[in-house]
Every structure is written in structure tokens, then in C-alpha cells.
C-alpha atoms as a PDB file:
ATOM      1  CA  UNK A   1     119.557 109.755  90.100  1.00  0.00           C
ATOM      2  CA  UNK A   2     123.308 109.989  90.592  1.00  0.00           C
ATOM      3  CA  UNK A   3     123.593 106.144  89.269  1.00  0.00           C
ATOM      4  CA  UNK A   4     122.013 107.587  86.303  1.00  0.00           C
ATOM      5  CA  UNK A   5     124.051 110.497  85.466  1.00  0.00           C
ATOM      6  CA  UNK A   6     127.271 108.114  86.268  1.00  0.00           C
ATOM      7  CA  UNK A   7     126.162 105.602  83.566  1.00  0.00           C
ATOM      8  CA  UNK A   8     125.063 108.502  81.208  1.00  0.00           C
ATOM      9  CA  UNK A   9     128.578 110.233  81.574  1.00  0.00           C
ATOM     10  CA  UNK A  10     130.374 106.814  81.141  1.00  0.00           C
ATOM     11  CA  UNK A  11     128.204 106.102  77.850  1.00  0.00           C
ATOM     12  CA  UNK A  12     129.351 109.428  76.307  1.00  0.00           C
ATOM     13  CA  UNK A  13     133.143 108.718  77.222  1.00  0.00           C
ATOM     14  CA  UNK A  14     132.469 105.471  75.697  1.00  0.00           C
ATOM     15  CA  UNK A  15     131.014 106.721  72.353  1.00  0.00           C
ATOM     16  CA  UNK A  16     133.651 109.398  72.129  1.00  0.00           C
ATOM     17  CA  UNK A  17     136.377 106.804  72.647  1.00  0.00           C
ATOM     18  CA  UNK A  18     135.063 104.759  69.928  1.00  0.00           C
ATOM     19  CA  UNK A  19     134.484 107.942  67.637  1.00  0.00           C
ATOM     20  CA  UNK A  20     138.271 108.731  68.257  1.00  0.00           C
ATOM     21  CA  UNK A  21     139.409 105.231  67.467  1.00  0.00           C
ATOM     22  CA  UNK A  22     137.557 105.177  64.413  1.00  0.00           C
ATOM     23  CA  UNK A  23     138.948 108.241  63.334  1.00  0.00           C
ATOM     24  CA  UNK A  24     142.525 107.116  64.080  1.00  0.00           C
ATOM     25  CA  UNK A  25     141.941 103.809  62.071  1.00  0.00           C
ATOM     26  CA  UNK A  26     140.556 105.975  59.084  1.00  0.00           C
ATOM     27  CA  UNK A  27     143.514 108.209  59.098  1.00  0.00           C
ATOM     28  CA  UNK A  28     145.914 105.523  59.167  1.00  0.00           C
ATOM     29  CA  UNK A  29     144.089 103.792  56.167  1.00  0.00           C
ATOM     30  CA  UNK A  30     144.288 107.145  54.338  1.00  0.00           C
ATOM     31  CA  UNK A  31     147.786 107.837  54.888  1.00  0.00           C
ATOM     32  CA  UNK A  32     149.796 108.684  51.793  1.00  0.00           C
ATOM     33  CA  UNK A  33     153.320 107.433  51.289  1.00  0.00           C
ATOM     34  CA  UNK A  34     155.934 108.142  48.840  1.00  0.00           C
ATOM     35  CA  UNK A  35     159.523 106.932  47.910  1.00  0.00           C
ATOM     36  CA  UNK A  36     161.816 109.469  48.182  1.00  0.00           C
ATOM     37  CA  UNK A  37     164.955 107.707  47.098  1.00  0.00           C
ATOM     38  CA  UNK A  38     166.801 104.100  47.225  1.00  0.00           C
ATOM     39  CA  UNK A  39     170.396 102.871  47.182  1.00  0.00           C
ATOM     40  CA  UNK A  40     171.610  99.182  46.732  1.00  0.00           C
ATOM     41  CA  UNK A  41     173.800  98.375  49.819  1.00  0.00           C
ATOM     42  CA  UNK A  42     174.877  95.097  50.832  1.00  0.00           C
ATOM     43  CA  UNK A  43     172.610  93.148  48.125  1.00  0.00           C
ATOM     44  CA  UNK A  44     169.755  94.814  49.414  1.00  0.00           C
ATOM     45  CA  UNK A  45     167.717  97.714  47.947  1.00  0.00           C
ATOM     46  CA  UNK A  46     167.149 100.442  50.836  1.00  0.00           C
ATOM     47  CA  UNK A  47     164.599 103.113  50.271  1.00  0.00           C
ATOM     48  CA  UNK A  48     163.718 106.674  51.993  1.00  0.00           C
ATOM     49  CA  UNK A  49     159.750 106.523  52.482  1.00  0.00           C
ATOM     50  CA  UNK A  50     157.918 109.571  53.618  1.00  0.00           C
ATOM     51  CA  UNK A  51     154.305 109.143  55.170  1.00  0.00           C
ATOM     52  CA  UNK A  52     151.510 111.504  55.553  1.00  0.00           C
ATOM     53  CA  UNK A  53     148.977 110.300  58.071  1.00  0.00           C
ATOM     54  CA  UNK A  54     146.051 112.985  58.597  1.00  0.00           C
ATOM     55  CA  UNK A  55     145.108 113.276  62.303  1.00  0.00           C
ATOM     56  CA  UNK A  56     142.161 115.413  63.993  1.00  0.00           C
ATOM     57  CA  UNK A  57     144.270 118.574  64.894  1.00  0.00           C
ATOM     58  CA  UNK A  58     147.267 118.231  62.495  1.00  0.00           C
ATOM     59  CA  UNK A  59     148.919 115.980  59.948  1.00  0.00           C
ATOM     60  CA  UNK A  60     151.954 113.972  61.137  1.00  0.00           C
ATOM     61  CA  UNK A  61     154.866 113.212  58.866  1.00  0.00           C
ATOM     62  CA  UNK A  62     157.393 110.588  59.102  1.00  0.00           C
ATOM     63  CA  UNK A  63     160.328 109.332  57.268  1.00  0.00           C
ATOM     64  CA  UNK A  64     161.249 105.770  57.179  1.00  0.00           C
ATOM     65  CA  UNK A  65     164.511 104.473  56.256  1.00  0.00           C
ATOM     66  CA  UNK A  66     164.877 100.707  55.313  1.00  0.00           C
ATOM     67  CA  UNK A  67     164.360  97.601  53.252  1.00  0.00           C
ATOM     68  CA  UNK A  68     160.646  98.161  53.223  1.00  0.00           C
ATOM     69  CA  UNK A  69     158.012 100.534  54.367  1.00  0.00           C
ATOM     70  CA  UNK A  70     157.386  98.736  57.701  1.00  0.00           C
ATOM     71  CA  UNK A  71     160.720  97.793  58.591  1.00  0.00           C
ATOM     72  CA  UNK A  72     163.858 100.069  59.462  1.00  0.00           C
ATOM     73  CA  UNK A  73     164.390 103.571  60.971  1.00  0.00           C
ATOM     74  CA  UNK A  74     161.417 106.144  61.598  1.00  0.00           C
ATOM     75  CA  UNK A  75     161.791 109.777  62.065  1.00  0.00           C
ATOM     76  CA  UNK A  76     159.016 112.180  63.018  1.00  0.00           C
ATOM     77  CA  UNK A  77     159.565 115.374  60.889  1.00  0.00           C
ATOM     78  CA  UNK A  78     157.747 118.504  60.460  1.00  0.00           C
ATOM     79  CA  UNK A  79     157.755 118.735  56.707  1.00  0.00           C
ATOM     80  CA  UNK A  80     155.903 117.219  53.623  1.00  0.00           C
ATOM     81  CA  UNK A  81     157.448 115.020  51.000  1.00  0.00           C
ATOM     82  CA  UNK A  82     157.935 117.492  48.443  1.00  0.00           C
ATOM     83  CA  UNK A  83     160.389 119.481  51.020  1.00  0.00           C
ATOM     84  CA  UNK A  84     162.497 116.553  51.652  1.00  0.00           C
ATOM     85  CA  UNK A  85     165.196 115.954  49.278  1.00  0.00           C
ATOM     86  CA  UNK A  86     167.575 112.475  49.628  1.00  0.00           C
ATOM     87  CA  UNK A  87     171.023 112.058  48.784  1.00  0.00           C
ATOM     88  CA  UNK A  88     173.133 109.005  49.027  1.00  0.00           C
ATOM     89  CA  UNK A  89     176.963 109.259  49.265  1.00  0.00           C
ATOM     90  CA  UNK A  90     178.190 106.126  46.683  1.00  0.00           C
ATOM     91  CA  UNK A  91     181.538 105.689  48.578  1.00  0.00           C
ATOM     92  CA  UNK A  92     180.242 105.544  52.067  1.00  0.00           C
ATOM     93  CA  UNK A  93     176.831 104.975  51.921  1.00  0.00           C
ATOM     94  CA  UNK A  94     175.893 108.022  53.781  1.00  0.00           C
ATOM     95  CA  UNK A  95     172.392 109.162  53.599  1.00  0.00           C
ATOM     96  CA  UNK A  96     171.537 112.823  54.012  1.00  0.00           C
ATOM     97  CA  UNK A  97     168.003 113.774  54.093  1.00  0.00           C
ATOM     98  CA  UNK A  98     167.655 117.759  53.313  1.00  0.00           C
ATOM     99  CA  UNK A  99     164.659 119.680  54.597  1.00  0.00           C
ATOM    100  CA  UNK A 100     164.017 123.422  54.838  1.00  0.00           C
ATOM    101  CA  UNK A 101     166.333 124.621  57.230  1.00  0.00           C
ATOM    102  CA  UNK A 102     168.114 121.593  58.573  1.00  0.00           C
ATOM    103  CA  UNK A 103     169.592 118.342  57.462  1.00  0.00           C
ATOM    104  CA  UNK A 104     169.394 114.689  58.623  1.00  0.00           C
ATOM    105  CA  UNK A 105     172.761 112.550  58.050  1.00  0.00           C
ATOM    106  CA  UNK A 106     172.527 108.994  58.936  1.00  0.00           C
ATOM    107  CA  UNK A 107     175.493 106.605  58.650  1.00  0.00           C
ATOM    108  CA  UNK A 108     175.190 103.308  57.027  1.00  0.00           C
ATOM    109  CA  UNK A 109     175.517 101.407  60.066  1.00  0.00           C
ATOM    110  CA  UNK A 110     172.389 102.833  61.543  1.00  0.00           C
ATOM    111  CA  UNK A 111     170.123 101.775  58.505  1.00  0.00           C
ATOM    112  CA  UNK A 112     171.689  98.398  57.445  1.00  0.00           C
ATOM    113  CA  UNK A 113     169.697  95.558  58.504  1.00  0.00           C
ATOM    114  CA  UNK A 114     171.998  92.780  59.892  1.00  0.00           C
ATOM    115  CA  UNK A 115     169.683  90.205  60.567  1.00  0.00           C
END
């Protein structure tokens, strides 16, 4: 009897893990990404991307800075894309991302890919 209870509990845990994994994969596939702004630096175009991924309990927002949406710096932020505004300083390549109540300033040495 105890063996059957243990097997039943493990089966329920396995099913819940598979459901969670399926939800995570679906949320990643259904995530949205927008370009907030781009700038040419060292013969490479660098862009600021905003990605929203829906989760079970909350939506996750990320800002990505780099030459492509899957390579570069990643920042978790609490704001949707319409609340983030990007400005590039032409002379210093300084990147400023403004959000309600705060601003994120990134120097060119941090986001320029030297590979």
C-alpha cells in the first residue's frame, strides 16, 4: 500500500513537471520582442531590444543590448516596451535607457563586441 502511494505521488510530481516545462516552452515561443533603437558603432549596428515573456504568475521583461537579439548584454527590467526610451550620444556612444523613475546608462566599452 505504501509503495502504491509513493508511486502515485511520484507520478503526480512527474506530470506537474511536464506541464510546467510545456508552459515554459510555450511562453518562450510566444514571447514578443521589439527594437527600441539602433546605432552604428565600429562598423557594426548595435540595437536595443525589449523582450516580454509571459509566465505562469507574471510577465518577465528584458532589455538586450547587442549586435543581434541573442547576443549581448541582458538586463531584467520591470517595465513594458512602451515605457522604455533609448537615446545614443553620437560623440561618446553612451547609451541611455530611460524608464519611469530611473535611467540605465551604458558605456560603449560595455556593449561593443570585440570578438
